[in-house]
Amino acid sequence: MKIVLTTSSTTLDGHLDKRFGRAPGFLIYDTEQQSCEFVDNEQNLNAAQGAGIQAAQNIISTGAKHLITGFCGPKAFKVLQSAGVKIYDTDAVSLKECIERFNSGSLMEINSANAESHWG
């Protein structure tokens, strides 16, 4: 199973970035292989609009069905939800703690967008 975390880190030693569409990148953690792959999101950092939608499409293309982030706008949320990606919010700071909470079932799944368009 693949879990995506919003971050600038290429390893689980980093911190969660609470932005989704304008996060520096995405760390894709494969629970079966216990491996990580970093996907750069630089093209969306300064996008005038559509950063969340493009980021959502990038997440979907990885095959991941779980996203741990902080804030997700309405358009990105709709794209992710339509693709069956579950989105989780957390107050955890470290990526390792995010994974631990995911594995223990203690993350809160969000059921609607929790940021306005063009947040962050």
C-alpha atoms as a PDB file:
ATOM      1  CA  MET A   1       0.000   0.000   0.000  1.00  0.00           C
ATOM      2  CA  LYS A   2       1.236   3.494  -0.809  1.00  0.00           C
ATOM      3  CA  ILE A   3       0.822   6.478   1.499  1.00  0.00           C
ATOM      4  CA  VAL A   4       1.629  10.013   0.328  1.00  0.00           C
ATOM      5  CA  LEU A   5       2.885  12.677   2.736  1.00  0.00           C
ATOM      6  CA  THR A   6       3.271  16.372   1.871  1.00  0.00           C
ATOM      7  CA  THR A   7       6.839  17.458   2.623  1.00  0.00           C
ATOM      8  CA  SER A   8      10.148  18.775   1.364  1.00  0.00           C
ATOM      9  CA  SER A   9      11.985  15.739   2.742  1.00  0.00           C
ATOM     10  CA  THR A  10      13.222  12.762   0.751  1.00  0.00           C
ATOM     11  CA  THR A  11      13.147  10.496   3.833  1.00  0.00           C
ATOM     12  CA  LEU A  12      10.853   9.764   6.776  1.00  0.00           C
ATOM     13  CA  ASP A  13      13.207  11.833   8.952  1.00  0.00           C
ATOM     14  CA  GLY A  14      11.574  15.040   7.694  1.00  0.00           C
ATOM     15  CA  HIS A  15       8.525  17.049   8.699  1.00  0.00           C
ATOM     16  CA  LEU A  16       5.004  17.232   7.304  1.00  0.00           C
ATOM     17  CA  ASP A  17       4.172  20.311   5.236  1.00  0.00           C
ATOM     18  CA  LYS A  18       0.564  21.251   5.986  1.00  0.00           C
ATOM     19  CA  ARG A  19      -0.032  22.599   2.452  1.00  0.00           C
ATOM     20  CA  PHE A  20      -1.207  20.198  -0.222  1.00  0.00           C
ATOM     21  CA  GLY A  21      -1.186  21.851  -3.646  1.00  0.00           C
ATOM     22  CA  ARG A  22       1.792  24.055  -2.884  1.00  0.00           C
ATOM     23  CA  ALA A  23       3.825  21.609  -0.826  1.00  0.00           C
ATOM     24  CA  PRO A  24       7.435  21.371  -2.063  1.00  0.00           C
ATOM     25  CA  GLY A  25       6.922  17.702  -2.797  1.00  0.00           C
ATOM     26  CA  PHE A  26       5.398  14.382  -1.874  1.00  0.00           C
ATOM     27  CA  LEU A  27       7.025  11.459  -0.120  1.00  0.00           C
ATOM     28  CA  ILE A  28       5.448   8.204  -1.237  1.00  0.00           C
ATOM     29  CA  TYR A  29       5.870   5.534   1.413  1.00  0.00           C
ATOM     30  CA  ASP A  30       5.338   1.930   0.318  1.00  0.00           C
ATOM     31  CA  THR A  31       4.238  -0.070   3.363  1.00  0.00           C
ATOM     32  CA  GLU A  32       5.015  -3.431   1.757  1.00  0.00           C
ATOM     33  CA  GLN A  33       8.543  -2.546   0.624  1.00  0.00           C
ATOM     34  CA  GLN A  34       9.118  -0.096   3.511  1.00  0.00           C
ATOM     35  CA  SER A  35      10.644   2.246   0.955  1.00  0.00           C
ATOM     36  CA  CYS A  36      10.258   5.913   0.050  1.00  0.00           C
ATOM     37  CA  GLU A  37      10.165   7.803  -3.217  1.00  0.00           C
ATOM     38  CA  PHE A  38      10.161  11.598  -3.444  1.00  0.00           C
ATOM     39  CA  VAL A  39       8.068  13.335  -6.108  1.00  0.00           C
ATOM     40  CA  ASP A  40       8.892  16.995  -6.680  1.00  0.00           C
ATOM     41  CA  ASN A  41       5.975  19.455  -6.778  1.00  0.00           C
ATOM     42  CA  GLU A  42       8.040  22.485  -7.801  1.00  0.00           C
ATOM     43  CA  GLN A  43       5.913  23.198 -10.872  1.00  0.00           C
ATOM     44  CA  ASN A  44       2.974  24.022  -8.584  1.00  0.00           C
ATOM     45  CA  LEU A  45       4.725  26.170  -5.968  1.00  0.00           C
ATOM     46  CA  ASN A  46       4.131  29.427  -7.818  1.00  0.00           C
ATOM     47  CA  ALA A  47       1.174  28.468  -9.994  1.00  0.00           C
ATOM     48  CA  ALA A  48      -1.402  31.246 -10.266  1.00  0.00           C
ATOM     49  CA  GLN A  49      -4.187  28.674 -10.067  1.00  0.00           C
ATOM     50  CA  GLY A  50      -4.789  24.959 -10.397  1.00  0.00           C
ATOM     51  CA  ALA A  51      -1.955  23.886  -8.088  1.00  0.00           C
ATOM     52  CA  GLY A  52      -4.225  21.641  -6.022  1.00  0.00           C
ATOM     53  CA  ILE A  53      -5.821  19.967  -9.016  1.00  0.00           C
ATOM     54  CA  GLN A  54      -2.451  19.302 -10.664  1.00  0.00           C
ATOM     55  CA  ALA A  55      -1.007  18.001  -7.388  1.00  0.00           C
ATOM     56  CA  ALA A  56      -4.050  15.734  -6.967  1.00  0.00           C
ATOM     57  CA  GLN A  57      -3.564  14.315 -10.451  1.00  0.00           C
ATOM     58  CA  ASN A  58       0.102  13.680  -9.646  1.00  0.00           C
ATOM     59  CA  ILE A  59      -0.904  11.796  -6.478  1.00  0.00           C
ATOM     60  CA  ILE A  60      -3.449   9.703  -8.369  1.00  0.00           C
ATOM     61  CA  SER A  61      -0.843   8.762 -10.981  1.00  0.00           C
ATOM     62  CA  THR A  62       1.307   7.172  -8.240  1.00  0.00           C
ATOM     63  CA  GLY A  63      -1.439   4.678  -7.415  1.00  0.00           C
ATOM     64  CA  ALA A  64      -1.538   5.782  -3.776  1.00  0.00           C
ATOM     65  CA  LYS A  65      -4.895   5.589  -2.007  1.00  0.00           C
ATOM     66  CA  HIS A  66      -3.949   7.463   1.180  1.00  0.00           C
ATOM     67  CA  LEU A  67      -2.767  11.063   1.608  1.00  0.00           C
ATOM     68  CA  ILE A  68      -1.550  12.624   4.851  1.00  0.00           C
ATOM     69  CA  THR A  69      -1.500  16.421   4.708  1.00  0.00           C
ATOM     70  CA  GLY A  70      -2.814  19.417   6.579  1.00  0.00           C
ATOM     71  CA  PHE A  71      -5.021  21.459   4.303  1.00  0.00           C
ATOM     72  CA  CYS A  72      -6.763  20.429   1.098  1.00  0.00           C
ATOM     73  CA  GLY A  73      -8.889  22.811  -0.971  1.00  0.00           C
ATOM     74  CA  PRO A  74     -12.268  21.979  -2.508  1.00  0.00           C
ATOM     75  CA  LYS A  75     -11.167  21.298  -6.090  1.00  0.00           C
ATOM     76  CA  ALA A  76      -8.246  19.073  -5.114  1.00  0.00           C
ATOM     77  CA  PHE A  77     -10.415  17.308  -2.535  1.00  0.00           C
ATOM     78  CA  LYS A  78     -13.036  16.511  -5.165  1.00  0.00           C
ATOM     79  CA  VAL A  79     -10.440  15.135  -7.608  1.00  0.00           C
ATOM     80  CA  LEU A  80      -8.822  12.975  -4.911  1.00  0.00           C
ATOM     81  CA  GLN A  81     -12.145  11.759  -3.512  1.00  0.00           C
ATOM     82  CA  SER A  82     -13.379  10.830  -6.998  1.00  0.00           C
ATOM     83  CA  ALA A  83     -10.268   8.679  -7.439  1.00  0.00           C
ATOM     84  CA  GLY A  84     -10.817   6.910  -4.113  1.00  0.00           C
ATOM     85  CA  VAL A  85      -7.920   8.580  -2.292  1.00  0.00           C
ATOM     86  CA  LYS A  86      -8.544   8.927   1.448  1.00  0.00           C
ATOM     87  CA  ILE A  87      -7.218  12.148   2.973  1.00  0.00           C
ATOM     88  CA  TYR A  88      -6.011  12.417   6.555  1.00  0.00           C
ATOM     89  CA  ASP A  89      -5.246  15.417   8.737  1.00  0.00           C
ATOM     90  CA  THR A  90      -2.933  15.233  11.709  1.00  0.00           C
ATOM     91  CA  ASP A  91      -1.203  17.386  14.277  1.00  0.00           C
ATOM     92  CA  ALA A  92       1.874  15.164  14.013  1.00  0.00           C
ATOM     93  CA  VAL A  93       4.957  17.036  12.882  1.00  0.00           C
ATOM     94  CA  SER A  94       7.366  14.267  11.918  1.00  0.00           C
ATOM     95  CA  LEU A  95       6.753  11.997   8.952  1.00  0.00           C
ATOM     96  CA  LYS A  96       7.639   8.954  11.063  1.00  0.00           C
ATOM     97  CA  GLU A  97       4.952   9.892  13.568  1.00  0.00           C
ATOM     98  CA  CYS A  98       2.449  10.337  10.726  1.00  0.00           C
ATOM     99  CA  ILE A  99       3.157   6.782   9.531  1.00  0.00           C
ATOM    100  CA  GLU A 100       2.957   5.417  13.087  1.00  0.00           C
ATOM    101  CA  ARG A 101      -0.426   7.079  13.594  1.00  0.00           C
ATOM    102  CA  PHE A 102      -1.642   5.820  10.217  1.00  0.00           C
ATOM    103  CA  ASN A 103      -0.612   2.262  11.110  1.00  0.00           C
ATOM    104  CA  SER A 104      -2.344   2.494  14.500  1.00  0.00           C
ATOM    105  CA  GLY A 105      -5.547   3.850  12.941  1.00  0.00           C
ATOM    106  CA  SER A 106      -5.432   7.074  14.936  1.00  0.00           C
ATOM    107  CA  LEU A 107      -5.389   9.557  12.050  1.00  0.00           C
ATOM    108  CA  MET A 108      -8.529  11.551  11.352  1.00  0.00           C
ATOM    109  CA  GLU A 109      -9.891  11.094   7.827  1.00  0.00           C
ATOM    110  CA  ILE A 110     -11.314  14.321   6.479  1.00  0.00           C
ATOM    111  CA  ASN A 111     -14.621  14.118   4.656  1.00  0.00           C
ATOM    112  CA  SER A 112     -14.663  17.581   3.097  1.00  0.00           C
ATOM    113  CA  ALA A 113     -12.211  20.249   2.000  1.00  0.00           C
ATOM    114  CA  ASN A 114     -10.634  22.011   4.961  1.00  0.00           C
ATOM    115  CA  ALA A 115      -9.037  24.939   3.098  1.00  0.00           C
ATOM    116  CA  GLU A 116     -10.359  27.594   0.774  1.00  0.00           C
ATOM    117  CA  SER A 117      -9.168  27.826  -2.810  1.00  0.00           C
ATOM    118  CA  HIS A 118      -5.706  29.378  -3.205  1.00  0.00           C
ATOM    119  CA  TRP A 119      -4.775  28.757   0.453  1.00  0.00           C
ATOM    120  CA  GLY A 120      -1.129  29.124   1.469  1.00  0.00           C
END
